Amino acid sequence: MSGLTPPVVILARPQLGENIGAAARAMKNCGLTDLRLVAPRDGWPNPAALPMAAAGKDIIESAEVYKTLGDALHDVTFLVATSARPRDMAKPVSDPRTAAPLLVRHHEEVKDAGSYAGLLFGAERSGLDNDELALADVIVQADLNPEATSLNLAQAVFLMAWEWRVAALQNSAARQVITEGPITKEAGRRKTAHPKMPADTAIIPATGAARDFFFTRLETILDNRQFFGSPEMAPVVKRNLRTYFTRGTPTEQELNTLHGILTLFEQGKGLG
């Protein structure tokens, strides 16, 4: 797996320090190193995390804390979020084994752009809320026993981290066959199965933070123009807008274009 950067792990509103420590241990087992905490309930650092981290002590000590999920996504351009419950949201839903190669492929496509893929996990008691899920590119649900679909936070982290590791090892083995072994039809197929994106800044996916900033700006303008007529439906409509724009995986250039349109609205040249 030389040269393959693992996804960052983001825990949104984690509650118990012990669970954060156990999650770090699971990350270490599978070769993931970057842990980000969004608004941990009991503050940070948390002394309860270290004993549970075992060999993942260094991950705990280097963990970064953010006030908002948008801030934590400042360099994340592909986000996989986990959820135990189906949601009424028009987003791709995958299982862990199918989602893991997408994380690997994303790194190969943007490895020179300074951005990362991310794995997002919610709070122990409630999981991710709809607004957090709206920022994801893919939602992952494991096909568990219908009578017991909820995983402990560390279990969920280990499941996704392990699947990423398996996909990364397979990718590394396939690359070795292509670069060092005989040129065969099978090798050729694997080599061209997922062509890289051109090294062009115009097609760099926008980070989660950039998307969140655009969504917030759009919602503020629409609020000021009284677009959301029903206070009860406003959260649903806002979430639908976020889901719509995220589903298209907007690039930096596309968001800049949309910001230009919003600027016209702010100047009174749009929406009447």
C-alpha atoms as a PDB file:
ATOM      1  CA  MET A   1       0.000   0.000   0.000  1.00  0.00           C
ATOM      2  CA  SER A   2       3.012   2.234  -0.420  1.00  0.00           C
ATOM      3  CA  GLY A   3       2.031   5.771  -1.360  1.00  0.00           C
ATOM      4  CA  LEU A   4      -1.674   5.229  -0.754  1.00  0.00           C
ATOM      5  CA  THR A   5      -3.046   7.742   1.737  1.00  0.00           C
ATOM      6  CA  PRO A   6      -5.810   6.342   3.965  1.00  0.00           C
ATOM      7  CA  PRO A   7      -9.058   8.257   4.429  1.00  0.00           C
ATOM      8  CA  VAL A   8      -9.451  10.571   7.388  1.00  0.00           C
ATOM      9  CA  VAL A   9     -11.831   9.425  10.112  1.00  0.00           C
ATOM     10  CA  ILE A  10     -14.309  12.012  11.406  1.00  0.00           C
ATOM     11  CA  LEU A  11     -16.352  11.416  14.540  1.00  0.00           C
ATOM     12  CA  ALA A  12     -19.283  13.816  14.750  1.00  0.00           C
ATOM     13  CA  ARG A  13     -20.343  14.661  18.306  1.00  0.00           C
ATOM     14  CA  PRO A  14     -18.737  11.608  19.955  1.00  0.00           C
ATOM     15  CA  GLN A  15     -19.803  11.078  23.534  1.00  0.00           C
ATOM     16  CA  LEU A  16     -17.523   8.750  25.501  1.00  0.00           C
ATOM     17  CA  GLY A  17     -13.750   9.106  25.627  1.00  0.00           C
ATOM     18  CA  GLU A  18     -13.496   5.318  25.860  1.00  0.00           C
ATOM     19  CA  ASN A  19     -15.232   4.939  22.501  1.00  0.00           C
ATOM     20  CA  ILE A  20     -12.940   7.507  20.892  1.00  0.00           C
ATOM     21  CA  GLY A  21      -9.932   5.592  22.221  1.00  0.00           C
ATOM     22  CA  ALA A  22     -11.273   2.275  20.958  1.00  0.00           C
ATOM     23  CA  ALA A  23     -11.935   3.858  17.556  1.00  0.00           C
ATOM     24  CA  ALA A  24      -8.314   5.029  17.430  1.00  0.00           C
ATOM     25  CA  ARG A  25      -7.179   1.483  18.214  1.00  0.00           C
ATOM     26  CA  ALA A  26      -9.297   0.149  15.344  1.00  0.00           C
ATOM     27  CA  MET A  27      -7.788   2.758  13.025  1.00  0.00           C
ATOM     28  CA  LYS A  28      -4.262   1.762  14.031  1.00  0.00           C
ATOM     29  CA  ASN A  29      -5.027  -1.913  13.375  1.00  0.00           C
ATOM     30  CA  CYS A  30      -5.893  -1.085   9.777  1.00  0.00           C
ATOM     31  CA  GLY A  31      -3.329   1.616   9.001  1.00  0.00           C
ATOM     32  CA  LEU A  32      -5.488   4.745   9.260  1.00  0.00           C
ATOM     33  CA  THR A  33      -3.863   7.672  11.052  1.00  0.00           C
ATOM     34  CA  ASP A  34      -5.886  10.905  10.787  1.00  0.00           C
ATOM     35  CA  LEU A  35      -8.629  11.300  13.445  1.00  0.00           C
ATOM     36  CA  ARG A  36     -10.864  14.367  13.582  1.00  0.00           C
ATOM     37  CA  LEU A  37     -13.403  15.081  16.310  1.00  0.00           C
ATOM     38  CA  VAL A  38     -16.372  17.398  15.827  1.00  0.00           C
ATOM     39  CA  ALA A  39     -17.733  18.901  19.055  1.00  0.00           C
ATOM     40  CA  PRO A  40     -16.915  15.983  21.398  1.00  0.00           C
ATOM     41  CA  ARG A  41     -19.484  16.008  24.197  1.00  0.00           C
ATOM     42  CA  ASP A  42     -17.021  15.720  27.096  1.00  0.00           C
ATOM     43  CA  GLY A  43     -14.393  18.046  25.637  1.00  0.00           C
ATOM     44  CA  TRP A  44     -10.873  17.238  24.503  1.00  0.00           C
ATOM     45  CA  PRO A  45      -8.375  15.944  25.456  1.00  0.00           C
ATOM     46  CA  ASN A  46     -10.227  13.229  27.325  1.00  0.00           C
ATOM     47  CA  PRO A  47      -8.130  11.062  29.707  1.00  0.00           C
ATOM     48  CA  ALA A  48     -10.524   8.139  29.249  1.00  0.00           C
ATOM     49  CA  ALA A  49      -9.469   7.776  25.608  1.00  0.00           C
ATOM     50  CA  LEU A  50      -5.808   6.852  26.068  1.00  0.00           C
ATOM     51  CA  PRO A  51      -6.186   3.541  27.961  1.00  0.00           C
ATOM     52  CA  MET A  52      -8.562   2.233  25.272  1.00  0.00           C
ATOM     53  CA  ALA A  53      -6.382   3.367  22.382  1.00  0.00           C
ATOM     54  CA  ALA A  54      -3.562   0.858  23.069  1.00  0.00           C
ATOM     55  CA  ALA A  55      -1.189   1.094  20.075  1.00  0.00           C
ATOM     56  CA  GLY A  56      -3.302   3.960  18.724  1.00  0.00           C
ATOM     57  CA  LYS A  57      -2.004   6.346  21.399  1.00  0.00           C
ATOM     58  CA  ASP A  58      -0.295   8.480  18.756  1.00  0.00           C
ATOM     59  CA  ILE A  59      -3.611   8.855  16.898  1.00  0.00           C
ATOM     60  CA  ILE A  60      -5.287  10.144  20.065  1.00  0.00           C
ATOM     61  CA  GLU A  61      -2.451  12.556  20.773  1.00  0.00           C
ATOM     62  CA  SER A  62      -2.562  14.010  17.258  1.00  0.00           C
ATOM     63  CA  ALA A  63      -6.366  14.086  16.905  1.00  0.00           C
ATOM     64  CA  GLU A  64      -7.764  17.425  15.730  1.00  0.00           C
ATOM     65  CA  VAL A  65     -10.900  19.013  17.178  1.00  0.00           C
ATOM     66  CA  TYR A  66     -13.380  21.124  15.193  1.00  0.00           C
ATOM     67  CA  LYS A  67     -16.456  23.075  16.190  1.00  0.00           C
ATOM     68  CA  THR A  68     -18.459  22.151  13.096  1.00  0.00           C
ATOM     69  CA  LEU A  69     -18.515  19.337  10.572  1.00  0.00           C
ATOM     70  CA  GLY A  70     -17.969  21.843   7.778  1.00  0.00           C
ATOM     71  CA  ASP A  71     -14.695  22.920   9.397  1.00  0.00           C
ATOM     72  CA  ALA A  72     -13.551  19.303   9.683  1.00  0.00           C
ATOM     73  CA  LEU A  73     -14.132  18.819   5.944  1.00  0.00           C
ATOM     74  CA  HIS A  74     -11.791  21.642   4.914  1.00  0.00           C
ATOM     75  CA  ASP A  75      -9.688  19.295   2.735  1.00  0.00           C
ATOM     76  CA  VAL A  76     -12.115  16.397   2.233  1.00  0.00           C
ATOM     77  CA  THR A  77     -13.448  16.068  -1.323  1.00  0.00           C
ATOM     78  CA  PHE A  78     -15.158  12.666  -1.080  1.00  0.00           C
ATOM     79  CA  LEU A  79     -17.161  11.756   2.007  1.00  0.00           C
ATOM     80  CA  VAL A  80     -18.584   8.372   2.957  1.00  0.00           C
ATOM     81  CA  ALA A  81     -21.042   8.514   5.854  1.00  0.00           C
ATOM     82  CA  THR A  82     -22.329   5.589   7.888  1.00  0.00           C
ATOM     83  CA  SER A  83     -25.943   5.137   8.929  1.00  0.00           C
ATOM     84  CA  ALA A  84     -27.879   2.223  10.425  1.00  0.00           C
ATOM     85  CA  ARG A  85     -31.245   3.590   9.350  1.00  0.00           C
ATOM     86  CA  PRO A  86     -32.637   4.220   5.867  1.00  0.00           C
ATOM     87  CA  ARG A  87     -33.315   7.907   5.224  1.00  0.00           C
ATOM     88  CA  ASP A  88     -35.638   9.664   2.852  1.00  0.00           C
ATOM     89  CA  MET A  89     -32.727  11.134   0.943  1.00  0.00           C
ATOM     90  CA  ALA A  90     -31.800  10.807  -2.744  1.00  0.00           C
ATOM     91  CA  LYS A  91     -28.213   9.683  -2.232  1.00  0.00           C
ATOM     92  CA  PRO A  92     -26.236   6.618  -3.317  1.00  0.00           C
ATOM     93  CA  VAL A  93     -26.442   3.914  -0.642  1.00  0.00           C
ATOM     94  CA  SER A  94     -23.749   1.258  -0.542  1.00  0.00           C
ATOM     95  CA  ASP A  95     -22.454  -1.534   1.655  1.00  0.00           C
ATOM     96  CA  PRO A  96     -18.976  -1.324   3.247  1.00  0.00           C
ATOM     97  CA  ARG A  97     -17.303  -3.679   0.755  1.00  0.00           C
ATOM     98  CA  THR A  98     -18.580  -1.778  -2.271  1.00  0.00           C
ATOM     99  CA  ALA A  99     -17.786   1.644  -0.805  1.00  0.00           C
ATOM    100  CA  ALA A 100     -14.172   0.865   0.146  1.00  0.00           C
ATOM    101  CA  PRO A 101     -12.797   0.747  -3.446  1.00  0.00           C
ATOM    102  CA  LEU A 102     -14.418   4.148  -4.048  1.00  0.00           C
ATOM    103  CA  LEU A 103     -12.249   5.576  -1.262  1.00  0.00           C
ATOM    104  CA  VAL A 104      -9.137   4.049  -2.825  1.00  0.00           C
ATOM    105  CA  ARG A 105     -10.039   5.250  -6.311  1.00  0.00           C
ATOM    106  CA  HIS A 106     -10.730   8.772  -5.084  1.00  0.00           C
ATOM    107  CA  HIS A 107      -7.253   8.988  -3.591  1.00  0.00           C
ATOM    108  CA  GLU A 108      -5.721   7.891  -6.894  1.00  0.00           C
ATOM    109  CA  GLU A 109      -7.689  10.567  -8.723  1.00  0.00           C
ATOM    110  CA  VAL A 110      -6.801  13.520  -6.469  1.00  0.00           C
ATOM    111  CA  LYS A 111      -3.554  12.437  -4.774  1.00  0.00           C
ATOM    112  CA  ASP A 112      -1.668  15.404  -6.206  1.00  0.00           C
ATOM    113  CA  ALA A 113      -4.354  17.937  -5.246  1.00  0.00           C
ATOM    114  CA  GLY A 114      -3.795  17.916  -1.464  1.00  0.00           C
ATOM    115  CA  SER A 115      -7.277  16.621  -0.683  1.00  0.00           C
ATOM    116  CA  TYR A 116      -8.567  13.489   0.986  1.00  0.00           C
ATOM    117  CA  ALA A 117     -11.415  11.046   1.254  1.00  0.00           C
ATOM    118  CA  GLY A 118     -13.230  10.877   4.572  1.00  0.00           C
ATOM    119  CA  LEU A 119     -15.174   8.388   6.686  1.00  0.00           C
ATOM    120  CA  LEU A 120     -17.880  10.004   8.803  1.00  0.00           C
ATOM    121  CA  PHE A 121     -19.422   8.458  11.927  1.00  0.00           C
ATOM    122  CA  GLY A 122     -22.135   9.869  14.173  1.00  0.00           C
ATOM    123  CA  ALA A 123     -22.716  10.051  17.902  1.00  0.00           C
ATOM    124  CA  GLU A 124     -23.118   6.796  19.808  1.00  0.00           C
ATOM    125  CA  ARG A 125     -26.713   7.393  20.854  1.00  0.00           C
ATOM    126  CA  SER A 126     -28.219   8.945  17.754  1.00  0.00           C
ATOM    127  CA  GLY A 127     -25.832   8.484  14.831  1.00  0.00           C
ATOM    128  CA  LEU A 128     -25.629  11.126  12.126  1.00  0.00           C
ATOM    129  CA  ASP A 129     -28.480  13.575  11.659  1.00  0.00           C
ATOM    130  CA  ASN A 130     -29.981  14.381   8.270  1.00  0.00           C
ATOM    131  CA  ASP A 131     -28.022  17.611   7.843  1.00  0.00           C
ATOM    132  CA  GLU A 132     -24.751  15.744   8.397  1.00  0.00           C
ATOM    133  CA  LEU A 133     -25.745  12.977   5.989  1.00  0.00           C
ATOM    134  CA  ALA A 134     -26.637  15.611   3.380  1.00  0.00           C
ATOM    135  CA  LEU A 135     -22.941  16.508   3.093  1.00  0.00           C
ATOM    136  CA  ALA A 136     -21.939  12.942   2.161  1.00  0.00           C
ATOM    137  CA  ASP A 137     -21.305  11.653  -1.334  1.00  0.00           C
ATOM    138  CA  VAL A 138     -22.195   8.075  -0.397  1.00  0.00           C
ATOM    139  CA  ILE A 139     -24.102   6.614   2.546  1.00  0.00           C
ATOM    140  CA  VAL A 140     -23.003   3.203   3.813  1.00  0.00           C
ATOM    141  CA  GLN A 141     -25.271   0.713   5.509  1.00  0.00           C
ATOM    142  CA  ALA A 142     -24.045  -2.713   6.582  1.00  0.00           C
ATOM    143  CA  ASP A 143     -26.401  -5.634   5.928  1.00  0.00           C
ATOM    144  CA  LEU A 144     -26.575  -6.728   9.549  1.00  0.00           C
ATOM    145  CA  ASN A 145     -29.131  -8.739  11.472  1.00  0.00           C
ATOM    146  CA  PRO A 146     -32.406  -6.780  11.093  1.00  0.00           C
ATOM    147  CA  GLU A 147     -33.049  -7.328  14.780  1.00  0.00           C
ATOM    148  CA  ALA A 148     -29.735  -5.685  15.752  1.00  0.00           C
ATOM    149  CA  THR A 149     -28.408  -3.209  13.207  1.00  0.00           C
ATOM    150  CA  SER A 150     -26.651  -0.809  15.582  1.00  0.00           C
ATOM    151  CA  LEU A 151     -22.871  -1.068  16.018  1.00  0.00           C
ATOM    152  CA  ASN A 152     -20.689   0.347  18.751  1.00  0.00           C
ATOM    153  CA  LEU A 153     -18.742   3.353  17.449  1.00  0.00           C
ATOM    154  CA  ALA A 154     -15.406   1.507  17.490  1.00  0.00           C
ATOM    155  CA  GLN A 155     -16.971  -1.510  15.759  1.00  0.00           C
ATOM    156  CA  ALA A 156     -18.274   0.724  12.979  1.00  0.00           C
ATOM    157  CA  VAL A 157     -14.873   2.362  12.566  1.00  0.00           C
ATOM    158  CA  PHE A 158     -13.137  -1.012  12.446  1.00  0.00           C
ATOM    159  CA  LEU A 159     -15.589  -2.383   9.878  1.00  0.00           C
ATOM    160  CA  MET A 160     -14.996   0.496   7.468  1.00  0.00           C
ATOM    161  CA  ALA A 161     -11.254   0.696   8.179  1.00  0.00           C
ATOM    162  CA  TRP A 162     -10.837  -3.031   7.526  1.00  0.00           C
ATOM    163  CA  GLU A 163     -12.750  -2.894   4.254  1.00  0.00           C
ATOM    164  CA  TRP A 164     -10.600   0.049   3.170  1.00  0.00           C
ATOM    165  CA  ARG A 165      -7.463  -1.942   4.009  1.00  0.00           C
ATOM    166  CA  VAL A 166      -8.627  -4.946   1.997  1.00  0.00           C
ATOM    167  CA  ALA A 167      -9.435  -2.724  -0.995  1.00  0.00           C
ATOM    168  CA  ALA A 168      -6.078  -0.935  -0.666  1.00  0.00           C
ATOM    169  CA  LEU A 169      -4.154  -4.214  -0.538  1.00  0.00           C
ATOM    170  CA  GLN A 170      -5.985  -5.486  -3.603  1.00  0.00           C
ATOM    171  CA  ASN A 171      -5.240  -2.235  -5.421  1.00  0.00           C
ATOM    172  CA  SER A 172      -1.553  -2.509  -4.505  1.00  0.00           C
ATOM    173  CA  ALA A 173      -1.380  -6.109  -5.709  1.00  0.00           C
ATOM    174  CA  ALA A 174      -3.076  -5.222  -8.994  1.00  0.00           C
ATOM    175  CA  ARG A 175      -0.632  -2.369  -9.557  1.00  0.00           C
ATOM    176  CA  GLN A 176       2.304  -4.683  -8.947  1.00  0.00           C
ATOM    177  CA  VAL A 177       1.013  -7.129 -11.540  1.00  0.00           C
ATOM    178  CA  ILE A 178       0.586  -4.344 -14.066  1.00  0.00           C
ATOM    179  CA  THR A 179       3.970  -2.693 -13.492  1.00  0.00           C
ATOM    180  CA  GLU A 180       6.144  -5.752 -12.845  1.00  0.00           C
ATOM    181  CA  GLY A 181       4.372  -8.746 -14.346  1.00  0.00           C
ATOM    182  CA  PRO A 182       3.745  -9.766 -17.956  1.00  0.00           C
ATOM    183  CA  ILE A 183       1.334  -7.655 -19.941  1.00  0.00           C
ATOM    184  CA  THR A 184      -1.815  -9.738 -20.146  1.00  0.00           C
ATOM    185  CA  LYS A 185      -5.375  -9.030 -21.147  1.00  0.00           C
ATOM    186  CA  GLU A 186      -6.438  -9.269 -17.519  1.00  0.00           C
ATOM    187  CA  ALA A 187      -3.761  -6.799 -16.442  1.00  0.00           C
ATOM    188  CA  GLY A 188      -4.796  -4.440 -19.187  1.00  0.00           C
ATOM    189  CA  ARG A 189      -8.388  -4.571 -18.094  1.00  0.00           C
ATOM    190  CA  ARG A 190      -7.474  -3.768 -14.522  1.00  0.00           C
ATOM    191  CA  LYS A 191      -5.253  -0.956 -15.624  1.00  0.00           C
ATOM    192  CA  THR A 192      -7.994   0.786 -17.567  1.00  0.00           C
ATOM    193  CA  ALA A 193     -10.969  -0.044 -15.357  1.00  0.00           C
ATOM    194  CA  HIS A 194     -10.826   3.263 -13.467  1.00  0.00           C
ATOM    195  CA  PRO A 195      -8.939   5.887 -15.504  1.00  0.00           C
ATOM    196  CA  LYS A 196      -7.489   8.777 -13.538  1.00  0.00           C
ATOM    197  CA  MET A 197      -8.952  12.223 -13.741  1.00  0.00           C
ATOM    198  CA  PRO A 198      -6.778  14.713 -15.639  1.00  0.00           C
ATOM    199  CA  ALA A 199      -4.495  16.858 -13.494  1.00  0.00           C
ATOM    200  CA  ASP A 200      -6.565  19.981 -13.994  1.00  0.00           C
ATOM    201  CA  THR A 201      -7.591  22.268 -11.143  1.00  0.00           C
ATOM    202  CA  ALA A 202     -10.912  22.880 -12.889  1.00  0.00           C
ATOM    203  CA  ILE A 203     -12.080  19.372 -12.062  1.00  0.00           C
ATOM    204  CA  ILE A 204     -10.849  19.145  -8.477  1.00  0.00           C
ATOM    205  CA  PRO A 205     -13.885  18.213  -6.363  1.00  0.00           C
ATOM    206  CA  ALA A 206     -14.869  20.938  -3.920  1.00  0.00           C
ATOM    207  CA  THR A 207     -14.090  20.184  -0.295  1.00  0.00           C
ATOM    208  CA  GLY A 208     -16.834  19.482   2.208  1.00  0.00           C
ATOM    209  CA  ALA A 209     -16.103  22.804   3.860  1.00  0.00           C
ATOM    210  CA  ALA A 210     -16.462  24.659   0.550  1.00  0.00           C
ATOM    211  CA  ARG A 211     -19.764  22.919  -0.112  1.00  0.00           C
ATOM    212  CA  ASP A 212     -21.030  23.724   3.371  1.00  0.00           C
ATOM    213  CA  PHE A 213     -20.079  27.405   2.951  1.00  0.00           C
ATOM    214  CA  PHE A 214     -21.937  27.581  -0.366  1.00  0.00           C
ATOM    215  CA  PHE A 215     -25.017  25.877   1.088  1.00  0.00           C
ATOM    216  CA  THR A 216     -25.068  28.255   4.055  1.00  0.00           C
ATOM    217  CA  ARG A 217     -24.724  31.291   1.807  1.00  0.00           C
ATOM    218  CA  LEU A 218     -27.475  30.043  -0.521  1.00  0.00           C
ATOM    219  CA  GLU A 219     -29.821  29.359   2.391  1.00  0.00           C
ATOM    220  CA  THR A 220     -29.153  32.794   3.899  1.00  0.00           C
ATOM    221  CA  ILE A 221     -29.990  34.548   0.631  1.00  0.00           C
ATOM    222  CA  LEU A 222     -33.141  32.481   0.156  1.00  0.00           C
ATOM    223  CA  ASP A 223     -34.142  33.161   3.761  1.00  0.00           C
ATOM    224  CA  ASN A 224     -33.697  36.906   3.235  1.00  0.00           C
ATOM    225  CA  ARG A 225     -35.797  36.720   0.077  1.00  0.00           C
ATOM    226  CA  GLN A 226     -38.490  34.778   1.990  1.00  0.00           C
ATOM    227  CA  PHE A 227     -38.177  31.800  -0.324  1.00  0.00           C
ATOM    228  CA  PHE A 228     -39.018  29.356   2.473  1.00  0.00           C
ATOM    229  CA  GLY A 229     -42.689  30.158   2.938  1.00  0.00           C
ATOM    230  CA  SER A 230     -43.404  27.471   5.520  1.00  0.00           C
ATOM    231  CA  PRO A 231     -41.206  27.405   8.661  1.00  0.00           C
ATOM    232  CA  GLU A 232     -42.132  23.761   9.170  1.00  0.00           C
ATOM    233  CA  MET A 233     -40.959  22.734   5.700  1.00  0.00           C
ATOM    234  CA  ALA A 234     -37.870  24.984   5.555  1.00  0.00           C
ATOM    235  CA  PRO A 235     -35.460  22.383   7.059  1.00  0.00           C
ATOM    236  CA  VAL A 236     -36.659  19.739   4.585  1.00  0.00           C
ATOM    237  CA  VAL A 237     -36.318  22.063   1.589  1.00  0.00           C
ATOM    238  CA  LYS A 238     -32.837  23.154   2.707  1.00  0.00           C
ATOM    239  CA  ARG A 239     -31.771  19.541   3.115  1.00  0.00           C
ATOM    240  CA  ASN A 240     -33.142  18.720  -0.344  1.00  0.00           C
ATOM    241  CA  LEU A 241     -31.078  21.551  -1.832  1.00  0.00           C
ATOM    242  CA  ARG A 242     -27.927  20.291  -0.105  1.00  0.00           C
ATOM    243  CA  THR A 243     -28.583  16.761  -1.301  1.00  0.00           C
ATOM    244  CA  TYR A 244     -29.166  17.951  -4.869  1.00  0.00           C
ATOM    245  CA  PHE A 245     -25.904  19.873  -5.116  1.00  0.00           C
ATOM    246  CA  THR A 246     -23.859  17.197  -3.326  1.00  0.00           C
ATOM    247  CA  ARG A 247     -25.155  14.427  -5.569  1.00  0.00           C
ATOM    248  CA  GLY A 248     -23.501  16.145  -8.517  1.00  0.00           C
ATOM    249  CA  THR A 249     -20.094  16.211  -6.761  1.00  0.00           C
ATOM    250  CA  PRO A 250     -19.473  19.912  -7.538  1.00  0.00           C
ATOM    251  CA  THR A 251     -15.959  21.018  -8.408  1.00  0.00           C
ATOM    252  CA  GLU A 252     -14.167  24.100  -7.095  1.00  0.00           C
ATOM    253  CA  GLN A 253     -14.724  25.899 -10.386  1.00  0.00           C
ATOM    254  CA  GLU A 254     -18.428  25.043 -10.429  1.00  0.00           C
ATOM    255  CA  LEU A 255     -18.915  26.354  -6.901  1.00  0.00           C
ATOM    256  CA  ASN A 256     -17.095  29.559  -7.851  1.00  0.00           C
ATOM    257  CA  THR A 257     -19.538  29.977 -10.729  1.00  0.00           C
ATOM    258  CA  LEU A 258     -22.494  29.425  -8.405  1.00  0.00           C
ATOM    259  CA  HIS A 259     -21.051  31.942  -5.942  1.00  0.00           C
ATOM    260  CA  GLY A 260     -20.959  34.457  -8.776  1.00  0.00           C
ATOM    261  CA  ILE A 261     -24.673  33.888  -9.335  1.00  0.00           C
ATOM    262  CA  LEU A 262     -25.353  34.353  -5.621  1.00  0.00           C
ATOM    263  CA  THR A 263     -23.429  37.607  -5.691  1.00  0.00           C
ATOM    264  CA  LEU A 264     -25.857  38.897  -8.347  1.00  0.00           C
ATOM    265  CA  PHE A 265     -28.746  37.967  -6.067  1.00  0.00           C
ATOM    266  CA  GLU A 266     -27.117  39.799  -3.151  1.00  0.00           C
ATOM    267  CA  GLN A 267     -26.775  42.860  -5.361  1.00  0.00           C
ATOM    268  CA  GLY A 268     -30.495  42.785  -6.058  1.00  0.00           C
ATOM    269  CA  LYS A 269     -30.137  41.528  -9.633  1.00  0.00           C
ATOM    270  CA  GLY A 270     -31.885  38.213  -9.134  1.00  0.00           C
ATOM    271  CA  LEU A 271     -35.073  36.712  -7.722  1.00  0.00           C
ATOM    272  CA  GLY A 272     -37.079  39.805  -8.673  1.00  0.00           C
END
